[in-house]
Each structure stands twice: as C-alpha cells, then as structure tokens.
C-alpha cells in the first residue's frame, strides 16, 4: 500500500507549481522581498516557515472539533506565536548571527498570510496527516520561490553563494571580474526582489496558459 495517495501527493506537489502561495495566491510577499538578499537567510526562513506551518497545521487539526468558532482566529494566533517563539530561540541558540540578520522577520511569521490561510482553509476541515502534508507542501512552495530569488539576488548582487565567492574576487580582479564584470548593487535592494518574483510569475504563466486570468 502506497504511503501517499494521489490526493495526498497533490497536497505537496500543487503548491510547488500551479498553486504556489507566492506566485499564484500572491501571499507571503513581504518576506520574499525583505530577506532574500542572501541565499542562506532565504533557506533558513523557508525551513522556519515549514516547521511552523507543518506543526501548526497538525495542532489546529487536532483541536478543530473543540475550538469555538468565535475565537478560532485567536487560538490560531496563539498556536503560531508559540511555534515562532520556539523557532526564534532555536535560531538564537545555534545561529546567532543569522538570527540577527533575519531579526524581526522571524517574528513576522506570525502574521504570514500563508500560515493563517492554511489554518483557516485546510487544517480546520481536515485530519492531522493531510494537514501536515498541506503544511509541508505550501511551505515548500513558499521556500522554493525564496531560494530562487535569494540565489539570483546574492549571485548577481554580491558575486557569492552562501557567502562563498563563485564569480571571483572583485578586489583582486579574478574570475569574471578580470574581464570587467561588476556586481549589480541594485539586486541587493528590495525592489529587485519584486522584479525577480515578477519574472518567475511571467515564466510560470507563459508555460501554463491555464494560469492566465481572463479579463
């Protein structure tokens, strides 16, 4: 017997492409703009959101039959806030410098539209296992865009990836810098993240015309 049915598999695969939280649902844009100047920060933020969303979905799903409808939003906020505090403390304990780089943006996971949206739209209506898969899938879709944007912004803006110089040394003029290449400082500015996301959206819709909205 397969571990995942076709419906369960789609919970993971759909958010990676045709129902991506950022490029299709247009959620979680703020952090995509703010923390993607470095690939490492993008990866850590993606993993943080995945942990919060997957575990949070399971907790909300387990409590779905006992949460009074009038206070469900408050309960959801308490759950996600508790998980974010745990993630923040783990980052401070094991990667303090990176936690300072992410700073307030880890705390803002609490208000991430993707998380609250999946709690409300999925976890409250489905069992723990499917809610867990939904959390993993949507967080993976979110993280995929963050990593792609972070990859190009750090590579073209700093000439590095994960802090390693991959295009050469701009001071000693080695590698590409020896033939006159210069880093594009604009790539490190938040507006360039929006442009990169826009290019991803354009590529995605050009490959799948079903995603193009009718006017």
C-alpha atoms as a PDB file:
ATOM      1  CA  UNK A   1       0.000   0.000   0.000  1.00  0.00           C
ATOM      2  CA  UNK A   2       1.398   3.377  -1.000  1.00  0.00           C
ATOM      3  CA  UNK A   3       2.214   5.785   1.792  1.00  0.00           C
ATOM      4  CA  UNK A   4       0.645   8.679  -0.105  1.00  0.00           C
ATOM      5  CA  UNK A   5      -2.492   8.552  -2.231  1.00  0.00           C
ATOM      6  CA  UNK A   6      -2.817  10.686  -5.367  1.00  0.00           C
ATOM      7  CA  UNK A   7      -4.806  13.285  -3.412  1.00  0.00           C
ATOM      8  CA  UNK A   8      -2.178  13.346  -0.668  1.00  0.00           C
ATOM      9  CA  UNK A   9       0.630  13.690  -3.226  1.00  0.00           C
ATOM     10  CA  UNK A  10      -1.126  16.663  -4.836  1.00  0.00           C
ATOM     11  CA  UNK A  11      -1.137  18.415  -1.434  1.00  0.00           C
ATOM     12  CA  UNK A  12       2.650  18.502  -1.698  1.00  0.00           C
ATOM     13  CA  UNK A  13       3.171  18.942  -5.435  1.00  0.00           C
ATOM     14  CA  UNK A  14       0.478  21.508  -6.308  1.00  0.00           C
ATOM     15  CA  UNK A  15       1.946  24.353  -4.196  1.00  0.00           C
ATOM     16  CA  UNK A  16       5.301  23.814  -5.889  1.00  0.00           C
ATOM     17  CA  UNK A  17       3.908  24.941  -9.236  1.00  0.00           C
ATOM     18  CA  UNK A  18       0.300  25.500 -10.271  1.00  0.00           C
ATOM     19  CA  UNK A  19      -0.907  26.670  -6.853  1.00  0.00           C
ATOM     20  CA  UNK A  20       2.212  28.309  -5.477  1.00  0.00           C
ATOM     21  CA  UNK A  21       1.498  30.500  -2.421  1.00  0.00           C
ATOM     22  CA  UNK A  22       3.621  33.401  -3.694  1.00  0.00           C
ATOM     23  CA  UNK A  23       3.290  33.367  -7.481  1.00  0.00           C
ATOM     24  CA  UNK A  24      -0.330  32.189  -7.773  1.00  0.00           C
ATOM     25  CA  UNK A  25      -2.016  33.024  -4.462  1.00  0.00           C
ATOM     26  CA  UNK A  26       0.174  36.138  -4.005  1.00  0.00           C
ATOM     27  CA  UNK A  27       0.720  35.504  -0.287  1.00  0.00           C
ATOM     28  CA  UNK A  28       3.859  35.940   1.814  1.00  0.00           C
ATOM     29  CA  UNK A  29       5.271  38.596  -0.493  1.00  0.00           C
ATOM     30  CA  UNK A  30       6.723  40.757   2.318  1.00  0.00           C
ATOM     31  CA  UNK A  31       9.327  38.247   3.475  1.00  0.00           C
ATOM     32  CA  UNK A  32      10.136  37.376  -0.146  1.00  0.00           C
ATOM     33  CA  UNK A  33      11.180  40.996  -0.608  1.00  0.00           C
ATOM     34  CA  UNK A  34      12.868  41.506   2.736  1.00  0.00           C
ATOM     35  CA  UNK A  35      15.190  38.595   3.424  1.00  0.00           C
ATOM     36  CA  UNK A  36      16.190  37.228   0.014  1.00  0.00           C
ATOM     37  CA  UNK A  37      19.344  39.317  -0.465  1.00  0.00           C
ATOM     38  CA  UNK A  38      21.255  36.311   0.914  1.00  0.00           C
ATOM     39  CA  UNK A  39      20.641  32.693  -0.050  1.00  0.00           C
ATOM     40  CA  UNK A  40      21.397  31.416   3.455  1.00  0.00           C
ATOM     41  CA  UNK A  41      18.778  33.676   5.014  1.00  0.00           C
ATOM     42  CA  UNK A  42      16.273  32.548   2.372  1.00  0.00           C
ATOM     43  CA  UNK A  43      16.879  28.887   3.177  1.00  0.00           C
ATOM     44  CA  UNK A  44      16.611  29.416   6.938  1.00  0.00           C
ATOM     45  CA  UNK A  45      13.402  31.423   6.570  1.00  0.00           C
ATOM     46  CA  UNK A  46      11.951  28.712   4.307  1.00  0.00           C
ATOM     47  CA  UNK A  47      12.789  25.990   6.844  1.00  0.00           C
ATOM     48  CA  UNK A  48      11.397  28.108   9.688  1.00  0.00           C
ATOM     49  CA  UNK A  49       8.096  28.625   7.903  1.00  0.00           C
ATOM     50  CA  UNK A  50       7.963  24.915   7.044  1.00  0.00           C
ATOM     51  CA  UNK A  51       8.389  23.928  10.695  1.00  0.00           C
ATOM     52  CA  UNK A  52       5.795  26.428  11.905  1.00  0.00           C
ATOM     53  CA  UNK A  53       3.240  25.648   9.195  1.00  0.00           C
ATOM     54  CA  UNK A  54       3.545  21.846   9.300  1.00  0.00           C
ATOM     55  CA  UNK A  55       3.409  21.583  13.096  1.00  0.00           C
ATOM     56  CA  UNK A  56       0.826  24.350  13.386  1.00  0.00           C
ATOM     57  CA  UNK A  57      -1.458  22.667  10.852  1.00  0.00           C
ATOM     58  CA  UNK A  58      -1.320  19.431  12.861  1.00  0.00           C
ATOM     59  CA  UNK A  59      -2.055  21.210  16.162  1.00  0.00           C
ATOM     60  CA  UNK A  60      -5.002  23.136  14.705  1.00  0.00           C
ATOM     61  CA  UNK A  61      -6.314  19.976  13.057  1.00  0.00           C
ATOM     62  CA  UNK A  62      -6.186  18.062  16.338  1.00  0.00           C
ATOM     63  CA  UNK A  63      -8.053  20.888  18.078  1.00  0.00           C
ATOM     64  CA  UNK A  64     -10.520  21.614  15.277  1.00  0.00           C
ATOM     65  CA  UNK A  65     -13.505  19.982  16.989  1.00  0.00           C
ATOM     66  CA  UNK A  66     -13.038  21.771  20.300  1.00  0.00           C
ATOM     67  CA  UNK A  67     -12.175  25.303  19.133  1.00  0.00           C
ATOM     68  CA  UNK A  68     -15.192  27.641  19.458  1.00  0.00           C
ATOM     69  CA  UNK A  69     -15.744  29.312  16.091  1.00  0.00           C
ATOM     70  CA  UNK A  70     -15.907  32.783  17.633  1.00  0.00           C
ATOM     71  CA  UNK A  71     -12.347  32.596  18.975  1.00  0.00           C
ATOM     72  CA  UNK A  72     -10.718  30.387  16.340  1.00  0.00           C
ATOM     73  CA  UNK A  73      -8.537  33.230  14.996  1.00  0.00           C
ATOM     74  CA  UNK A  74      -7.231  33.955  18.498  1.00  0.00           C
ATOM     75  CA  UNK A  75      -6.435  30.272  19.029  1.00  0.00           C
ATOM     76  CA  UNK A  76      -4.634  30.125  15.694  1.00  0.00           C
ATOM     77  CA  UNK A  77      -2.559  33.182  16.591  1.00  0.00           C
ATOM     78  CA  UNK A  78      -1.606  31.668  19.957  1.00  0.00           C
ATOM     79  CA  UNK A  79      -0.504  28.430  18.291  1.00  0.00           C
ATOM     80  CA  UNK A  80       1.588  30.130  15.597  1.00  0.00           C
ATOM     81  CA  UNK A  81       3.060  32.618  18.094  1.00  0.00           C
ATOM     82  CA  UNK A  82       4.203  29.795  20.364  1.00  0.00           C
ATOM     83  CA  UNK A  83       5.827  27.962  17.446  1.00  0.00           C
ATOM     84  CA  UNK A  84       7.533  31.127  16.174  1.00  0.00           C
ATOM     85  CA  UNK A  85       8.975  31.824  19.644  1.00  0.00           C
ATOM     86  CA  UNK A  86      10.435  28.301  19.676  1.00  0.00           C
ATOM     87  CA  UNK A  87      11.935  28.757  16.189  1.00  0.00           C
ATOM     88  CA  UNK A  88      13.369  32.148  17.156  1.00  0.00           C
ATOM     89  CA  UNK A  89      15.004  30.746  20.294  1.00  0.00           C
ATOM     90  CA  UNK A  90      16.478  27.811  18.351  1.00  0.00           C
ATOM     91  CA  UNK A  91      17.984  30.220  15.807  1.00  0.00           C
ATOM     92  CA  UNK A  92      19.454  32.387  18.569  1.00  0.00           C
ATOM     93  CA  UNK A  93      20.948  29.312  20.251  1.00  0.00           C
ATOM     94  CA  UNK A  94      22.515  27.716  17.162  1.00  0.00           C
ATOM     95  CA  UNK A  95      22.943  30.532  14.630  1.00  0.00           C
ATOM     96  CA  UNK A  96      23.008  33.841  16.455  1.00  0.00           C
ATOM     97  CA  UNK A  97      24.497  35.920  13.632  1.00  0.00           C
ATOM     98  CA  UNK A  98      21.877  34.669  11.188  1.00  0.00           C
ATOM     99  CA  UNK A  99      19.125  35.295  13.723  1.00  0.00           C
ATOM    100  CA  UNK A 100      20.260  38.936  13.868  1.00  0.00           C
ATOM    101  CA  UNK A 101      20.141  39.119  10.072  1.00  0.00           C
ATOM    102  CA  UNK A 102      16.584  37.809   9.995  1.00  0.00           C
ATOM    103  CA  UNK A 103      15.756  39.827  13.132  1.00  0.00           C
ATOM    104  CA  UNK A 104      12.138  40.988  13.126  1.00  0.00           C
ATOM    105  CA  UNK A 105      11.183  38.938  10.068  1.00  0.00           C
ATOM    106  CA  UNK A 106      11.134  35.687  12.053  1.00  0.00           C
ATOM    107  CA  UNK A 107       8.610  37.261  14.418  1.00  0.00           C
ATOM    108  CA  UNK A 108       6.556  38.380  11.434  1.00  0.00           C
ATOM    109  CA  UNK A 109       5.983  34.719  10.531  1.00  0.00           C
ATOM    110  CA  UNK A 110       3.102  35.090  12.997  1.00  0.00           C
ATOM    111  CA  UNK A 111       1.273  37.337  10.545  1.00  0.00           C
ATOM    112  CA  UNK A 112       2.294  35.437   7.394  1.00  0.00           C
ATOM    113  CA  UNK A 113      -0.853  35.151   5.287  1.00  0.00           C
ATOM    114  CA  UNK A 114       0.128  31.671   4.103  1.00  0.00           C
ATOM    115  CA  UNK A 115       0.116  30.245   7.625  1.00  0.00           C
ATOM    116  CA  UNK A 116      -3.135  31.796   8.786  1.00  0.00           C
ATOM    117  CA  UNK A 117      -4.711  30.983   5.446  1.00  0.00           C
ATOM    118  CA  UNK A 118      -3.853  27.274   5.625  1.00  0.00           C
ATOM    119  CA  UNK A 119      -5.016  27.073   9.244  1.00  0.00           C
ATOM    120  CA  UNK A 120      -8.359  28.560   8.279  1.00  0.00           C
ATOM    121  CA  UNK A 121      -8.878  26.942   4.886  1.00  0.00           C
ATOM    122  CA  UNK A 122      -7.433  23.473   5.428  1.00  0.00           C
ATOM    123  CA  UNK A 123      -6.421  22.466   8.948  1.00  0.00           C
ATOM    124  CA  UNK A 124      -9.837  23.297  10.437  1.00  0.00           C
ATOM    125  CA  UNK A 125     -11.520  20.957   7.964  1.00  0.00           C
ATOM    126  CA  UNK A 126      -9.094  18.036   7.622  1.00  0.00           C
ATOM    127  CA  UNK A 127      -7.314  15.405   9.695  1.00  0.00           C
ATOM    128  CA  UNK A 128      -3.785  15.741  11.105  1.00  0.00           C
ATOM    129  CA  UNK A 129      -1.984  13.706   8.416  1.00  0.00           C
ATOM    130  CA  UNK A 130      -3.438  15.589   5.446  1.00  0.00           C
ATOM    131  CA  UNK A 131      -2.967  18.879   7.309  1.00  0.00           C
ATOM    132  CA  UNK A 132       0.692  18.003   7.866  1.00  0.00           C
ATOM    133  CA  UNK A 133       1.165  17.270   4.158  1.00  0.00           C
ATOM    134  CA  UNK A 134      -0.613  20.506   3.255  1.00  0.00           C
ATOM    135  CA  UNK A 135       1.729  22.419   5.554  1.00  0.00           C
ATOM    136  CA  UNK A 136       4.813  20.774   4.068  1.00  0.00           C
ATOM    137  CA  UNK A 137       3.613  21.396   0.508  1.00  0.00           C
ATOM    138  CA  UNK A 138       2.703  25.061   0.933  1.00  0.00           C
ATOM    139  CA  UNK A 139       5.855  25.813   2.924  1.00  0.00           C
ATOM    140  CA  UNK A 140       7.937  24.049   0.254  1.00  0.00           C
ATOM    141  CA  UNK A 141       6.267  26.116  -2.469  1.00  0.00           C
ATOM    142  CA  UNK A 142       6.933  29.278  -0.489  1.00  0.00           C
ATOM    143  CA  UNK A 143      10.517  28.230   0.226  1.00  0.00           C
ATOM    144  CA  UNK A 144      11.186  27.344  -3.413  1.00  0.00           C
ATOM    145  CA  UNK A 145      10.467  30.910  -4.516  1.00  0.00           C
ATOM    146  CA  UNK A 146      12.540  32.338  -1.656  1.00  0.00           C
ATOM    147  CA  UNK A 147      15.518  30.157  -2.622  1.00  0.00           C
ATOM    148  CA  UNK A 148      15.257  31.033  -6.327  1.00  0.00           C
ATOM    149  CA  UNK A 149      15.039  34.757  -5.579  1.00  0.00           C
ATOM    150  CA  UNK A 150      17.817  34.546  -2.975  1.00  0.00           C
ATOM    151  CA  UNK A 151      20.038  32.620  -5.403  1.00  0.00           C
ATOM    152  CA  UNK A 152      19.893  35.256  -8.137  1.00  0.00           C
ATOM    153  CA  UNK A 153      19.994  38.271  -5.815  1.00  0.00           C
ATOM    154  CA  UNK A 154      23.107  37.096  -3.970  1.00  0.00           C
ATOM    155  CA  UNK A 155      24.829  35.787  -7.102  1.00  0.00           C
ATOM    156  CA  UNK A 156      24.278  38.894  -9.221  1.00  0.00           C
ATOM    157  CA  UNK A 157      24.367  41.390  -6.361  1.00  0.00           C
ATOM    158  CA  UNK A 158      27.376  40.129  -4.396  1.00  0.00           C
ATOM    159  CA  UNK A 159      29.019  37.543  -6.638  1.00  0.00           C
ATOM    160  CA  UNK A 160      28.680  34.960  -3.876  1.00  0.00           C
ATOM    161  CA  UNK A 161      26.503  31.993  -2.909  1.00  0.00           C
ATOM    162  CA  UNK A 162      26.107  31.076   0.761  1.00  0.00           C
ATOM    163  CA  UNK A 163      28.949  33.517   1.376  1.00  0.00           C
ATOM    164  CA  UNK A 164      31.401  31.764  -0.973  1.00  0.00           C
ATOM    165  CA  UNK A 165      32.895  33.756  -3.844  1.00  0.00           C
ATOM    166  CA  UNK A 166      31.803  31.955  -7.012  1.00  0.00           C
ATOM    167  CA  UNK A 167      32.447  34.616  -9.640  1.00  0.00           C
ATOM    168  CA  UNK A 168      35.931  35.509  -8.467  1.00  0.00           C
ATOM    169  CA  UNK A 169      37.375  38.225  -6.247  1.00  0.00           C
ATOM    170  CA  UNK A 170      36.158  41.745  -7.108  1.00  0.00           C
ATOM    171  CA  UNK A 171      39.123  43.355  -5.313  1.00  0.00           C
ATOM    172  CA  UNK A 172      41.899  41.217  -6.801  1.00  0.00           C
ATOM    173  CA  UNK A 173      40.041  41.142 -10.155  1.00  0.00           C
ATOM    174  CA  UNK A 174      39.983  37.362 -10.594  1.00  0.00           C
ATOM    175  CA  UNK A 175      37.398  35.196 -12.349  1.00  0.00           C
ATOM    176  CA  UNK A 176      34.707  37.155 -14.200  1.00  0.00           C
ATOM    177  CA  UNK A 177      35.919  40.367 -12.613  1.00  0.00           C
ATOM    178  CA  UNK A 178      39.117  40.028 -14.625  1.00  0.00           C
ATOM    179  CA  UNK A 179      37.155  40.670 -17.839  1.00  0.00           C
ATOM    180  CA  UNK A 180      35.339  43.707 -16.478  1.00  0.00           C
ATOM    181  CA  UNK A 181      32.310  42.166 -14.766  1.00  0.00           C
ATOM    182  CA  UNK A 182      30.898  44.190 -11.869  1.00  0.00           C
ATOM    183  CA  UNK A 183      28.335  43.257  -9.217  1.00  0.00           C
ATOM    184  CA  UNK A 184      24.874  44.722  -9.682  1.00  0.00           C
ATOM    185  CA  UNK A 185      24.202  46.518  -6.408  1.00  0.00           C
ATOM    186  CA  UNK A 186      20.575  47.037  -7.385  1.00  0.00           C
ATOM    187  CA  UNK A 187      19.991  43.291  -6.895  1.00  0.00           C
ATOM    188  CA  UNK A 188      20.506  43.767  -3.152  1.00  0.00           C
ATOM    189  CA  UNK A 189      17.634  46.263  -2.928  1.00  0.00           C
ATOM    190  CA  UNK A 190      14.122  45.059  -2.067  1.00  0.00           C
ATOM    191  CA  UNK A 191      12.508  46.315  -5.321  1.00  0.00           C
ATOM    192  CA  UNK A 192      14.704  43.899  -7.293  1.00  0.00           C
ATOM    193  CA  UNK A 193      13.200  41.008  -5.344  1.00  0.00           C
ATOM    194  CA  UNK A 194       9.784  42.088  -6.609  1.00  0.00           C
ATOM    195  CA  UNK A 195      11.119  42.196 -10.167  1.00  0.00           C
ATOM    196  CA  UNK A 196      12.615  38.697  -9.846  1.00  0.00           C
ATOM    197  CA  UNK A 197       9.320  37.375  -8.460  1.00  0.00           C
ATOM    198  CA  UNK A 198       7.554  39.087 -11.377  1.00  0.00           C
ATOM    199  CA  UNK A 199       9.852  37.320 -13.848  1.00  0.00           C
ATOM    200  CA  UNK A 200       9.108  33.983 -12.166  1.00  0.00           C
ATOM    201  CA  UNK A 201       5.376  34.683 -12.421  1.00  0.00           C
ATOM    202  CA  UNK A 202       5.758  35.581 -16.113  1.00  0.00           C
ATOM    203  CA  UNK A 203       7.730  32.386 -16.867  1.00  0.00           C
ATOM    204  CA  UNK A 204       5.223  30.273 -14.948  1.00  0.00           C
ATOM    205  CA  UNK A 205       2.230  31.706 -16.814  1.00  0.00           C
ATOM    206  CA  UNK A 206       3.944  31.555 -20.194  1.00  0.00           C
ATOM    207  CA  UNK A 207       4.487  27.828 -19.689  1.00  0.00           C
ATOM    208  CA  UNK A 208       0.953  27.172 -18.438  1.00  0.00           C
ATOM    209  CA  UNK A 209      -1.685  29.363 -20.092  1.00  0.00           C
ATOM    210  CA  UNK A 210      -4.362  27.936 -17.766  1.00  0.00           C
ATOM    211  CA  UNK A 211      -2.887  30.166 -15.041  1.00  0.00           C
ATOM    212  CA  UNK A 212      -3.518  33.335 -17.046  1.00  0.00           C
ATOM    213  CA  UNK A 213      -6.547  35.190 -15.681  1.00  0.00           C
ATOM    214  CA  UNK A 214      -9.342  36.211 -18.046  1.00  0.00           C
ATOM    215  CA  UNK A 215     -10.227  39.909 -18.100  1.00  0.00           C
END
